[in-house]
C-alpha atoms as a PDB file:
ATOM      1  CA  MET A   1     111.032  76.162  94.061  1.00  0.00           C
ATOM      2  CA  SER A   2     107.302  73.790  92.166  1.00  0.00           C
ATOM      3  CA  LYS A   3     107.934  74.926  88.921  1.00  0.00           C
ATOM      4  CA  ASP A   4     103.697  74.811  89.124  1.00  0.00           C
ATOM      5  CA  PHE A   5     103.738  77.553  91.612  1.00  0.00           C
ATOM      6  CA  ALA A   6     101.296  80.747  91.325  1.00  0.00           C
ATOM      7  CA  ILE A   7      99.660  82.673  92.983  1.00  0.00           C
ATOM      8  CA  GLN A   8      96.288  81.219  92.336  1.00  0.00           C
ATOM      9  CA  SER A   9      93.818  82.004  95.526  1.00  0.00           C
ATOM     10  CA  VAL A  10      94.475  84.854  98.350  1.00  0.00           C
ATOM     11  CA  LEU A  11      93.276  84.672 101.666  1.00  0.00           C
ATOM     12  CA  ILE A  12      92.787  88.937 103.050  1.00  0.00           C
ATOM     13  CA  PHE A  13      92.048  88.764 107.061  1.00  0.00           C
ATOM     14  CA  GLY A  14      90.488  91.956 107.996  1.00  0.00           C
ATOM     15  CA  ALA A  15      88.552  93.480 105.004  1.00  0.00           C
ATOM     16  CA  GLY A  16      88.385  96.470 106.463  1.00  0.00           C
ATOM     17  CA  SER A  17      89.111  99.733 103.938  1.00  0.00           C
ATOM     18  CA  ILE A  18      92.075  98.966 102.622  1.00  0.00           C
ATOM     19  CA  GLY A  19      91.553  94.623 103.113  1.00  0.00           C
ATOM     20  CA  SER A  20      89.137  95.838 100.641  1.00  0.00           C
ATOM     21  CA  LEU A  21      90.413  97.957  98.475  1.00  0.00           C
ATOM     22  CA  LEU A  22      93.644  95.414  98.203  1.00  0.00           C
ATOM     23  CA  GLY A  23      90.144  92.605  97.967  1.00  0.00           C
ATOM     24  CA  TYR A  24      88.874  94.498  94.876  1.00  0.00           C
ATOM     25  CA  TYR A  25      92.359  94.929  93.519  1.00  0.00           C
ATOM     26  CA  VAL A  26      93.254  91.429  93.634  1.00  0.00           C
ATOM     27  CA  LYS A  27      89.949  89.895  92.293  1.00  0.00           C
ATOM     28  CA  LYS A  28      90.381  92.208  89.023  1.00  0.00           C
ATOM     29  CA  THR A  29      93.332  90.114  87.706  1.00  0.00           C
ATOM     30  CA  GLY A  30      90.828  86.485  88.106  1.00  0.00           C
ATOM     31  CA  LYS A  31      92.192  84.977  91.530  1.00  0.00           C
ATOM     32  CA  ASP A  32      90.262  83.516  94.058  1.00  0.00           C
ATOM     33  CA  VAL A  33      90.334  85.763  97.170  1.00  0.00           C
ATOM     34  CA  ILE A  34      88.923  84.811 100.467  1.00  0.00           C
ATOM     35  CA  LEU A  35      87.787  87.527 102.829  1.00  0.00           C
ATOM     36  CA  ILE A  36      87.569  87.945 106.492  1.00  0.00           C
ATOM     37  CA  GLY A  37      85.871  90.652 108.063  1.00  0.00           C
ATOM     38  CA  ARG A  38      82.795  91.996 110.339  1.00  0.00           C
ATOM     39  CA  LYS A  39      79.482  90.436 109.555  1.00  0.00           C
ATOM     40  CA  PRO A  40      77.318  93.518 107.380  1.00  0.00           C
ATOM     41  CA  HIS A  41      80.014  94.296 105.017  1.00  0.00           C
ATOM     42  CA  MET A  42      80.897  89.958 104.385  1.00  0.00           C
ATOM     43  CA  GLN A  43      77.120  89.144 104.269  1.00  0.00           C
ATOM     44  CA  ARG A  44      76.932  92.299 101.649  1.00  0.00           C
ATOM     45  CA  ILE A  45      79.278  91.470  99.394  1.00  0.00           C
ATOM     46  CA  SER A  46      77.947  87.634  98.907  1.00  0.00           C
ATOM     47  CA  VAL A  47      75.049  88.840  98.237  1.00  0.00           C
ATOM     48  CA  GLU A  48      75.677  92.016  95.968  1.00  0.00           C
ATOM     49  CA  GLY A  49      79.338  91.782  95.087  1.00  0.00           C
ATOM     50  CA  LEU A  50      81.704  94.556  96.361  1.00  0.00           C
ATOM     51  CA  THR A  51      81.387  97.972  94.766  1.00  0.00           C
ATOM     52  CA  TYR A  52      84.771 100.106  94.468  1.00  0.00           C
ATOM     53  CA  ILE A  53      84.549 103.731  94.164  1.00  0.00           C
ATOM     54  CA  SER A  54      87.741 105.478  92.527  1.00  0.00           C
ATOM     55  CA  PRO A  55      89.320 108.797  93.074  1.00  0.00           C
ATOM     56  CA  GLU A  56      87.481 110.014  90.168  1.00  0.00           C
ATOM     57  CA  GLY A  57      84.079 108.734  91.562  1.00  0.00           C
ATOM     58  CA  THR A  58      83.853 105.971  89.075  1.00  0.00           C
ATOM     59  CA  ALA A  59      81.927 102.951  89.988  1.00  0.00           C
ATOM     60  CA  GLU A  60      82.712  99.457  89.956  1.00  0.00           C
ATOM     61  CA  THR A  61      81.314  96.337  91.297  1.00  0.00           C
ATOM     62  CA  LEU A  62      82.798  92.842  91.252  1.00  0.00           C
ATOM     63  CA  SER A  63      81.196  89.087  92.857  1.00  0.00           C
ATOM     64  CA  GLY A  64      82.909  86.059  93.728  1.00  0.00           C
ATOM     65  CA  PHE A  65      84.164  86.585  96.865  1.00  0.00           C
ATOM     66  CA  ARG A  66      84.063  84.012  99.564  1.00  0.00           C
ATOM     67  CA  CYS A  67      83.633  86.281 102.506  1.00  0.00           C
ATOM     68  CA  TYR A  68      83.772  84.854 106.190  1.00  0.00           C
ATOM     69  CA  GLU A  69      83.291  86.336 109.821  1.00  0.00           C
ATOM     70  CA  SER A  70      86.034  84.043 110.937  1.00  0.00           C
ATOM     71  CA  LEU A  71      88.648  81.819 110.015  1.00  0.00           C
ATOM     72  CA  GLU A  72      87.096  79.111 111.754  1.00  0.00           C
ATOM     73  CA  LEU A  73      84.168  79.124 109.427  1.00  0.00           C
ATOM     74  CA  LEU A  74      86.778  78.515 106.551  1.00  0.00           C
ATOM     75  CA  GLU A  75      86.590  75.177 104.585  1.00  0.00           C
ATOM     76  CA  SER A  76      89.269  73.109 105.100  1.00  0.00           C
ATOM     77  CA  SER A  77      90.239  71.895 101.817  1.00  0.00           C
ATOM     78  CA  VAL A  78      90.143  76.062 100.958  1.00  0.00           C
ATOM     79  CA  ARG A  79      93.629  76.241  98.586  1.00  0.00           C
ATOM     80  CA  ILE A  80      95.490  79.459 100.146  1.00  0.00           C
ATOM     81  CA  ASP A  81      99.085  80.512  98.348  1.00  0.00           C
ATOM     82  CA  LEU A  82      99.342  84.025  99.930  1.00  0.00           C
ATOM     83  CA  ILE A  83      97.824  85.605 103.244  1.00  0.00           C
ATOM     84  CA  ILE A  84      97.369  89.443 103.602  1.00  0.00           C
ATOM     85  CA  VAL A  85      97.208  90.388 106.455  1.00  0.00           C
ATOM     86  CA  THR A  86      95.172  94.318 107.471  1.00  0.00           C
ATOM     87  CA  THR A  87      93.668  94.057 110.903  1.00  0.00           C
ATOM     88  CA  LYS A  88      94.232  96.470 113.118  1.00  0.00           C
ATOM     89  CA  ALA A  89      98.340  96.436 114.441  1.00  0.00           C
ATOM     90  CA  TRP A  90      96.826  96.101 118.242  1.00  0.00           C
ATOM     91  CA  ALA A  91      94.873  92.985 117.242  1.00  0.00           C
ATOM     92  CA  ASN A  92      98.301  91.397 115.929  1.00  0.00           C
ATOM     93  CA  GLU A  93      98.547  88.820 118.966  1.00  0.00           C
ATOM     94  CA  GLU A  94      94.930  87.637 118.579  1.00  0.00           C
ATOM     95  CA  VAL A  95      95.379  87.244 114.517  1.00  0.00           C
ATOM     96  CA  ALA A  96      98.953  85.275 114.582  1.00  0.00           C
ATOM     97  CA  VAL A  97      97.108  82.577 116.961  1.00  0.00           C
ATOM     98  CA  ALA A  98      93.823  82.359 114.993  1.00  0.00           C
ATOM     99  CA  LEU A  99      96.320  81.657 111.794  1.00  0.00           C
ATOM    100  CA  ASP A 100      99.179  79.362 113.131  1.00  0.00           C
ATOM    101  CA  GLN A 101      96.146  77.241 115.177  1.00  0.00           C
ATOM    102  CA  TRP A 102      94.011  76.943 111.657  1.00  0.00           C
ATOM    103  CA  LEU A 103      97.131  76.208 109.856  1.00  0.00           C
ATOM    104  CA  ARG A 104      98.247  73.416 111.994  1.00  0.00           C
ATOM    105  CA  ARG A 105      94.790  72.574 111.920  1.00  0.00           C
ATOM    106  CA  LYS A 106      94.064  72.137 108.802  1.00  0.00           C
ATOM    107  CA  ASN A 107      97.228  71.558 106.880  1.00  0.00           C
ATOM    108  CA  VAL A 108      97.132  73.770 104.404  1.00  0.00           C
ATOM    109  CA  GLU A 109      99.412  72.181 101.538  1.00  0.00           C
ATOM    110  CA  HIS A 110     101.743  74.493 100.320  1.00  0.00           C
ATOM    111  CA  PHE A 111     105.529  74.021  98.462  1.00  0.00           C
ATOM    112  CA  LEU A 112     107.080  75.629 101.351  1.00  0.00           C
ATOM    113  CA  GLY A 113     104.677  73.774 103.579  1.00  0.00           C
ATOM    114  CA  PHE A 114     103.003  77.160 104.689  1.00  0.00           C
ATOM    115  CA  PRO A 115     101.906  80.001 102.454  1.00  0.00           C
ATOM    116  CA  PRO A 116     104.251  83.259 103.033  1.00  0.00           C
ATOM    117  CA  LEU A 117     102.278  86.355 104.861  1.00  0.00           C
ATOM    118  CA  LEU A 118     102.150  90.159 103.789  1.00  0.00           C
ATOM    119  CA  LEU A 119     101.467  92.403 106.878  1.00  0.00           C
ATOM    120  CA  VAL A 120     100.003  95.672 105.669  1.00  0.00           C
ATOM    121  CA  GLN A 121      99.299  97.844 108.323  1.00  0.00           C
ATOM    122  CA  ASN A 122     100.276 100.835 109.961  1.00  0.00           C
ATOM    123  CA  GLY A 123     103.145 101.101 112.846  1.00  0.00           C
ATOM    124  CA  LEU A 124     106.408  99.469 114.298  1.00  0.00           C
ATOM    125  CA  GLY A 125     106.794  96.062 115.623  1.00  0.00           C
ATOM    126  CA  ASN A 126     103.785  94.697 114.538  1.00  0.00           C
ATOM    127  CA  GLU A 127     105.633  91.190 112.772  1.00  0.00           C
ATOM    128  CA  GLU A 128     106.638  90.092 115.999  1.00  0.00           C
ATOM    129  CA  PRO A 129     103.528  87.812 117.151  1.00  0.00           C
ATOM    130  CA  PHE A 130     103.769  86.382 113.823  1.00  0.00           C
ATOM    131  CA  GLU A 131     107.220  85.427 114.461  1.00  0.00           C
ATOM    132  CA  LYS A 132     106.039  82.572 116.512  1.00  0.00           C
ATOM    133  CA  THR A 133     103.694  81.030 113.396  1.00  0.00           C
ATOM    134  CA  LEU A 134     104.048  78.224 110.852  1.00  0.00           C
ATOM    135  CA  ILE A 135     104.478  81.087 108.667  1.00  0.00           C
ATOM    136  CA  PRO A 136     107.742  80.542 106.722  1.00  0.00           C
ATOM    137  CA  LEU A 137     108.116  83.925 105.225  1.00  0.00           C
ATOM    138  CA  ILE A 138     107.319  87.472 106.761  1.00  0.00           C
ATOM    139  CA  PHE A 139     106.802  90.312 104.203  1.00  0.00           C
ATOM    140  CA  ARG A 140     105.843  93.694 105.084  1.00  0.00           C
ATOM    141  CA  GLY A 141     103.881  95.983 103.539  1.00  0.00           C
ATOM    142  CA  VAL A 142     103.208  99.784 103.488  1.00  0.00           C
ATOM    143  CA  LEU A 143     101.222 101.767 101.825  1.00  0.00           C
ATOM    144  CA  THR A 144     100.147 105.701 101.214  1.00  0.00           C
ATOM    145  CA  HIS A 145      96.599 105.065  99.143  1.00  0.00           C
ATOM    146  CA  GLY A 146      93.687 106.164 101.216  1.00  0.00           C
ATOM    147  CA  ALA A 147      90.451 104.016 101.478  1.00  0.00           C
ATOM    148  CA  HIS A 148      87.104 104.305 103.237  1.00  0.00           C
ATOM    149  CA  LEU A 149      84.380 102.278 103.708  1.00  0.00           C
ATOM    150  CA  MET A 150      81.318 104.266 102.766  1.00  0.00           C
ATOM    151  CA  SER A 151      78.763 101.563 103.666  1.00  0.00           C
ATOM    152  CA  ALA A 152      78.563  97.574 103.661  1.00  0.00           C
ATOM    153  CA  GLY A 153      80.011  96.427 100.826  1.00  0.00           C
ATOM    154  CA  VAL A 154      81.458  99.664  99.108  1.00  0.00           C
ATOM    155  CA  VAL A 155      84.975 100.954  99.482  1.00  0.00           C
ATOM    156  CA  LYS A 156      86.148 104.194  98.309  1.00  0.00           C
ATOM    157  CA  HIS A 157      89.623 104.611  97.145  1.00  0.00           C
ATOM    158  CA  ALA A 158      89.957 108.219  98.638  1.00  0.00           C
ATOM    159  CA  GLY A 159      93.618 108.566  97.085  1.00  0.00           C
ATOM    160  CA  ARG A 160      95.927 107.096  95.291  1.00  0.00           C
ATOM    161  CA  GLY A 161      99.368 107.101  96.753  1.00  0.00           C
ATOM    162  CA  TRP A 162     102.338 104.444  96.688  1.00  0.00           C
ATOM    163  CA  PHE A 163     103.175 100.648  97.816  1.00  0.00           C
ATOM    164  CA  LYS A 164     106.131  99.246  98.851  1.00  0.00           C
ATOM    165  CA  ILE A 165     106.627  95.673 100.481  1.00  0.00           C
ATOM    166  CA  GLY A 166     109.825  94.200 101.811  1.00  0.00           C
ATOM    167  CA  LEU A 167     110.799  91.131 103.457  1.00  0.00           C
ATOM    168  CA  TYR A 168     110.610  91.277 107.042  1.00  0.00           C
ATOM    169  CA  LYS A 169     111.982  87.509 108.378  1.00  0.00           C
ATOM    170  CA  ARG A 170     112.185  84.020 106.690  1.00  0.00           C
ATOM    171  CA  ASN A 171     112.813  80.530 107.496  1.00  0.00           C
ATOM    172  CA  ALA A 172     115.941  79.601 108.119  1.00  0.00           C
ATOM    173  CA  LYS A 173     115.239  76.951 105.654  1.00  0.00           C
ATOM    174  CA  VAL A 174     114.089  78.872 102.802  1.00  0.00           C
ATOM    175  CA  SER A 175     116.753  79.772 100.040  1.00  0.00           C
ATOM    176  CA  ASP A 176     117.332  82.753  98.361  1.00  0.00           C
ATOM    177  CA  SER A 177     116.083  81.732  95.098  1.00  0.00           C
ATOM    178  CA  VAL A 178     112.773  80.681  96.851  1.00  0.00           C
ATOM    179  CA  VAL A 179     112.373  84.524  98.292  1.00  0.00           C
ATOM    180  CA  ARG A 180     113.273  85.809  94.891  1.00  0.00           C
ATOM    181  CA  GLU A 181     110.939  83.510  93.191  1.00  0.00           C
ATOM    182  CA  ILE A 182     108.694  84.387  95.917  1.00  0.00           C
ATOM    183  CA  THR A 183     108.842  88.128  96.164  1.00  0.00           C
ATOM    184  CA  ARG A 184     108.830  88.069  92.076  1.00  0.00           C
ATOM    185  CA  HIS A 185     104.840  86.663  92.232  1.00  0.00           C
ATOM    186  CA  ILE A 186     103.905  88.751  94.911  1.00  0.00           C
ATOM    187  CA  LEU A 187     104.838  91.507  92.680  1.00  0.00           C
ATOM    188  CA  THR A 188     103.495  90.695  89.754  1.00  0.00           C
ATOM    189  CA  LEU A 189     100.076  89.965  91.679  1.00  0.00           C
ATOM    190  CA  PHE A 190      99.882  93.989  92.427  1.00  0.00           C
ATOM    191  CA  ASN A 191     101.404  94.887  88.755  1.00  0.00           C
ATOM    192  CA  GLU A 192      98.838  93.279  86.648  1.00  0.00           C
ATOM    193  CA  ALA A 193      96.157  94.841  88.785  1.00  0.00           C
ATOM    194  CA  SER A 194      97.623  98.258  88.164  1.00  0.00           C
ATOM    195  CA  LEU A 195      97.618  98.895  91.927  1.00  0.00           C
ATOM    196  CA  TYR A 196     101.748  99.291  91.828  1.00  0.00           C
ATOM    197  CA  VAL A 197     104.378  98.304  94.040  1.00  0.00           C
ATOM    198  CA  GLU A 198     107.634  98.145  94.422  1.00  0.00           C
ATOM    199  CA  PHE A 199     110.398  95.875  96.379  1.00  0.00           C
ATOM    200  CA  GLU A 200     111.883  98.233  99.216  1.00  0.00           C
ATOM    201  CA  SER A 201     115.083  96.344 100.389  1.00  0.00           C
ATOM    202  CA  GLN A 202     116.018  98.731 102.875  1.00  0.00           C
ATOM    203  CA  LEU A 203     112.434  98.099 105.023  1.00  0.00           C
ATOM    204  CA  ASN A 204     113.096  99.982 108.461  1.00  0.00           C
ATOM    205  CA  GLN A 205     113.755 102.930 106.661  1.00  0.00           C
ATOM    206  CA  ILE A 206     110.604 103.143 104.921  1.00  0.00           C
ATOM    207  CA  LEU A 207     108.389 101.915 107.850  1.00  0.00           C
ATOM    208  CA  TRP A 208     109.753 104.732 110.003  1.00  0.00           C
ATOM    209  CA  GLU A 209     108.935 107.462 106.935  1.00  0.00           C
ATOM    210  CA  LYS A 210     105.537 105.945 107.097  1.00  0.00           C
ATOM    211  CA  LEU A 211     105.479 106.061 110.793  1.00  0.00           C
ATOM    212  CA  ALA A 212     106.143 109.384 110.387  1.00  0.00           C
ATOM    213  CA  ILE A 213     103.444 109.825 107.698  1.00  0.00           C
ATOM    214  CA  ASN A 214     100.458 108.476 109.985  1.00  0.00           C
ATOM    215  CA  ALA A 215     101.586 110.046 113.392  1.00  0.00           C
ATOM    216  CA  VAL A 216     101.377 113.702 111.585  1.00  0.00           C
ATOM    217  CA  ILE A 217      97.911 112.880 109.882  1.00  0.00           C
ATOM    218  CA  ASN A 218      96.245 110.483 111.635  1.00  0.00           C
ATOM    219  CA  PRO A 219      95.638 112.037 115.636  1.00  0.00           C
ATOM    220  CA  VAL A 220      95.453 115.323 113.869  1.00  0.00           C
ATOM    221  CA  CYS A 221      92.679 114.548 111.441  1.00  0.00           C
ATOM    222  CA  ALA A 222      91.079 112.637 114.626  1.00  0.00           C
ATOM    223  CA  LEU A 223      90.880 115.212 116.618  1.00  0.00           C
ATOM    224  CA  TYR A 224      89.313 117.417 114.571  1.00  0.00           C
ATOM    225  CA  SER A 225      87.210 115.002 112.709  1.00  0.00           C
ATOM    226  CA  VAL A 226      88.057 116.119 109.427  1.00  0.00           C
ATOM    227  CA  ASN A 227      89.714 114.981 105.951  1.00  0.00           C
ATOM    228  CA  ASN A 228      93.345 114.829 105.567  1.00  0.00           C
ATOM    229  CA  GLY A 229      93.655 118.125 102.932  1.00  0.00           C
ATOM    230  CA  PHE A 230      92.440 120.223 106.173  1.00  0.00           C
ATOM    231  CA  ILE A 231      95.710 120.178 107.704  1.00  0.00           C
ATOM    232  CA  LEU A 232      97.236 122.319 105.022  1.00  0.00           C
ATOM    233  CA  GLU A 233      94.109 124.126 104.038  1.00  0.00           C
ATOM    234  CA  HIS A 234      94.942 125.686 107.615  1.00  0.00           C
ATOM    235  CA  GLN A 235      99.149 125.458 107.566  1.00  0.00           C
ATOM    236  CA  GLU A 236      99.418 128.057 109.387  1.00  0.00           C
ATOM    237  CA  LEU A 237      98.049 126.453 112.001  1.00  0.00           C
ATOM    238  CA  PHE A 238      99.330 123.341 112.256  1.00  0.00           C
ATOM    239  CA  MET A 239     102.700 123.128 110.919  1.00  0.00           C
ATOM    240  CA  PRO A 240     104.364 124.378 114.024  1.00  0.00           C
ATOM    241  CA  LEU A 241     102.741 121.211 115.398  1.00  0.00           C
ATOM    242  CA  VAL A 242     103.629 118.964 112.519  1.00  0.00           C
ATOM    243  CA  GLU A 243     107.813 120.090 112.340  1.00  0.00           C
ATOM    244  CA  LYS A 244     107.432 119.421 116.650  1.00  0.00           C
ATOM    245  CA  ILE A 245     106.031 115.875 115.508  1.00  0.00           C
ATOM    246  CA  LEU A 246     108.867 114.969 113.208  1.00  0.00           C
ATOM    247  CA  VAL A 247     111.404 116.809 115.364  1.00  0.00           C
ATOM    248  CA  GLU A 248     110.600 114.239 118.254  1.00  0.00           C
ATOM    249  CA  LEU A 249     110.330 111.153 116.034  1.00  0.00           C
ATOM    250  CA  VAL A 250     113.907 112.058 113.951  1.00  0.00           C
ATOM    251  CA  ALA A 251     115.668 111.743 117.190  1.00  0.00           C
ATOM    252  CA  VAL A 252     114.047 108.984 118.368  1.00  0.00           C
ATOM    253  CA  ALA A 253     114.229 107.013 115.371  1.00  0.00           C
ATOM    254  CA  ALA A 254     118.238 108.151 115.485  1.00  0.00           C
ATOM    255  CA  SER A 255     118.456 106.035 118.694  1.00  0.00           C
ATOM    256  CA  SER A 256     117.350 103.724 116.845  1.00  0.00           C
ATOM    257  CA  GLY A 257     119.716 102.923 114.764  1.00  0.00           C
ATOM    258  CA  ILE A 258     117.943 104.865 111.552  1.00  0.00           C
ATOM    259  CA  ARG A 259     118.290 108.222 110.065  1.00  0.00           C
ATOM    260  CA  LEU A 260     116.177 110.060 109.159  1.00  0.00           C
ATOM    261  CA  LYS A 261     115.766 113.276 107.375  1.00  0.00           C
ATOM    262  CA  HIS A 262     113.593 116.174 108.267  1.00  0.00           C
ATOM    263  CA  GLU A 263     112.481 118.385 105.153  1.00  0.00           C
ATOM    264  CA  HIS A 264     112.152 114.553 103.506  1.00  0.00           C
ATOM    265  CA  LEU A 265     109.819 113.792 106.097  1.00  0.00           C
ATOM    266  CA  LEU A 266     107.808 117.088 105.824  1.00  0.00           C
ATOM    267  CA  GLU A 267     107.497 116.909 101.839  1.00  0.00           C
ATOM    268  CA  GLN A 268     106.306 113.015 102.271  1.00  0.00           C
ATOM    269  CA  VAL A 269     103.355 114.630 104.370  1.00  0.00           C
ATOM    270  CA  ARG A 270     102.819 117.192 102.432  1.00  0.00           C
ATOM    271  CA  GLU A 271     102.889 114.837  99.039  1.00  0.00           C
ATOM    272  CA  THR A 272     100.815 112.376 100.700  1.00  0.00           C
ATOM    273  CA  ILE A 273      98.188 114.737 101.863  1.00  0.00           C
ATOM    274  CA  LYS A 274      97.962 116.522  98.799  1.00  0.00           C
ATOM    275  CA  HIS A 275      96.826 112.345  97.464  1.00  0.00           C
ATOM    276  CA  THR A 276      94.598 111.939 100.085  1.00  0.00           C
ATOM    277  CA  TRP A 277      92.561 115.611 100.728  1.00  0.00           C
ATOM    278  CA  ASN A 278      89.545 114.341 100.777  1.00  0.00           C
ATOM    279  CA  ASN A 279      90.409 110.635 102.721  1.00  0.00           C
ATOM    280  CA  LYS A 280      88.912 110.369 105.887  1.00  0.00           C
ATOM    281  CA  CYS A 281      92.343 108.823 107.965  1.00  0.00           C
ATOM    282  CA  SER A 282      91.430 105.401 109.586  1.00  0.00           C
ATOM    283  CA  MET A 283      91.999 106.932 113.255  1.00  0.00           C
ATOM    284  CA  LEU A 284      89.120 108.897 112.393  1.00  0.00           C
ATOM    285  CA  GLN A 285      87.187 106.306 111.282  1.00  0.00           C
ATOM    286  CA  ASP A 286      87.804 103.785 114.380  1.00  0.00           C
ATOM    287  CA  LEU A 287      86.807 106.592 116.665  1.00  0.00           C
ATOM    288  CA  GLU A 288      83.493 107.336 114.845  1.00  0.00           C
ATOM    289  CA  LYS A 289      82.767 103.778 115.219  1.00  0.00           C
ATOM    290  CA  GLY A 290      83.414 103.452 118.658  1.00  0.00           C
ATOM    291  CA  ARG A 291      86.723 101.647 117.815  1.00  0.00           C
ATOM    292  CA  GLN A 292      89.988 101.065 119.264  1.00  0.00           C
ATOM    293  CA  THR A 293      92.315 103.298 117.603  1.00  0.00           C
ATOM    294  CA  GLU A 294      96.199 102.784 116.558  1.00  0.00           C
ATOM    295  CA  ILE A 295      97.514 105.249 118.473  1.00  0.00           C
ATOM    296  CA  ASP A 296      99.886 102.779 120.695  1.00  0.00           C
ATOM    297  CA  ASN A 297     101.595 101.807 117.564  1.00  0.00           C
ATOM    298  CA  LEU A 298     101.890 105.327 115.994  1.00  0.00           C
ATOM    299  CA  ASN A 299     102.514 108.038 118.523  1.00  0.00           C
ATOM    300  CA  GLY A 300     102.410 105.900 121.493  1.00  0.00           C
ATOM    301  CA  HIS A 301     105.103 104.014 119.867  1.00  0.00           C
ATOM    302  CA  ILE A 302     107.070 107.430 119.904  1.00  0.00           C
ATOM    303  CA  VAL A 303     106.992 107.775 122.998  1.00  0.00           C
ATOM    304  CA  ILE A 304     107.575 104.354 124.213  1.00  0.00           C
ATOM    305  CA  LEU A 305     110.991 104.306 121.950  1.00  0.00           C
ATOM    306  CA  GLY A 306     111.609 107.687 124.194  1.00  0.00           C
ATOM    307  CA  LYS A 307     111.568 106.858 127.131  1.00  0.00           C
ATOM    308  CA  LYS A 308     114.092 104.140 126.465  1.00  0.00           C
ATOM    309  CA  TYR A 309     116.525 106.319 125.137  1.00  0.00           C
ATOM    310  CA  GLY A 310     116.343 109.304 127.023  1.00  0.00           C
ATOM    311  CA  ILE A 311     114.674 110.837 124.781  1.00  0.00           C
ATOM    312  CA  ALA A 312     111.495 113.708 126.011  1.00  0.00           C
ATOM    313  CA  THR A 313     108.413 113.266 123.362  1.00  0.00           C
ATOM    314  CA  PRO A 314     105.878 115.209 124.893  1.00  0.00           C
ATOM    315  CA  VAL A 315     104.027 116.500 121.480  1.00  0.00           C
ATOM    316  CA  ASN A 316     103.557 112.814 121.057  1.00  0.00           C
ATOM    317  CA  GLU A 317     102.649 112.149 124.163  1.00  0.00           C
ATOM    318  CA  THR A 318     100.360 114.836 124.292  1.00  0.00           C
ATOM    319  CA  LEU A 319      98.282 113.335 120.982  1.00  0.00           C
ATOM    320  CA  THR A 320      98.466 109.609 122.586  1.00  0.00           C
ATOM    321  CA  ILE A 321      96.518 110.989 125.588  1.00  0.00           C
ATOM    322  CA  LEU A 322      93.983 113.243 123.845  1.00  0.00           C
ATOM    323  CA  VAL A 323      93.336 110.465 121.160  1.00  0.00           C
ATOM    324  CA  LYS A 324      93.238 107.780 124.026  1.00  0.00           C
ATOM    325  CA  GLY A 325      90.214 109.936 125.905  1.00  0.00           C
ATOM    326  CA  LEU A 326      88.484 110.482 122.700  1.00  0.00           C
ATOM    327  CA  GLU A 327      88.709 106.695 122.620  1.00  0.00           C
ATOM    328  CA  ARG A 328      87.517 106.041 125.967  1.00  0.00           C
ATOM    329  CA  LYS A 329      84.541 108.987 125.367  1.00  0.00           C
ATOM    330  CA  ARG A 330      83.463 107.166 122.197  1.00  0.00           C
ATOM    331  CA  SER A 331      83.543 103.772 123.363  1.00  0.00           C
ATOM    332  CA  ARG A 332      80.819 104.615 126.408  1.00  0.00           C
ATOM    333  CA  ARG A 333      78.083 105.730 124.146  1.00  0.00           C
END
């Protein structure tokens, strides 16, 4: 490894709510942060900066971001030490192709050849499209922090949670020592910004646990158009549904070689709701904006795996159908 290596410039592809939240924290450390996102949001940040509203309600605005509507507009001379992808999982095929073409065309200088990727998304199996790219190291990030874009240029940290990363795949030419050093730099980056992160060696386990949290909170809150806390406010109504979602998920996970404890998952769901009580989940935000949701990567993925292993998943299948029905209804407005 080059002794001069450090993470000085970070590209965040998909600067929505979570991408903007991560962008704010990385920028706090003084790094160069490049954001790729939707035009109104990028224009507002370019002119007025990114405003962060804490869970306690205090606001801070940071400027100096480099903002683009498309990767194609990013200049060829830019330095990138780490790529963070926070787009919706259903867009990964397109995102992976765009990144690969850009890296090949721009010939980005990096001691590995090309910078590592940190994929911070909901769902399982999201990494596969990026395996076909030039990216030598792929990390997965899993977090339970709540974030909400209040308006263009304004992100609200709606609830603090945990943040964990793990190594998904590496190029055979990348040594163990290089992997350890890159991992240390990524952990240091976020810890210095007080968005504390831990390394998770059991990556699949934590991905399934996060899937359980999302498979409960996202469809229920999206269908009822409510914040996360509504589930516990009316737990006498919703807990039987939550239990059934988790029973199906635990059975499918077991057939996939992942052992999950029902009570542990239930406690994680409760704790996440408590810490993100006033958060509007990403699935509800997508529906309100007439956009495609990640239901296929959450409950829909449980259904697909259930069919593969011969396990009935009627509750998750029903939730998937209901959310997709709302997608079509809202998209017609």
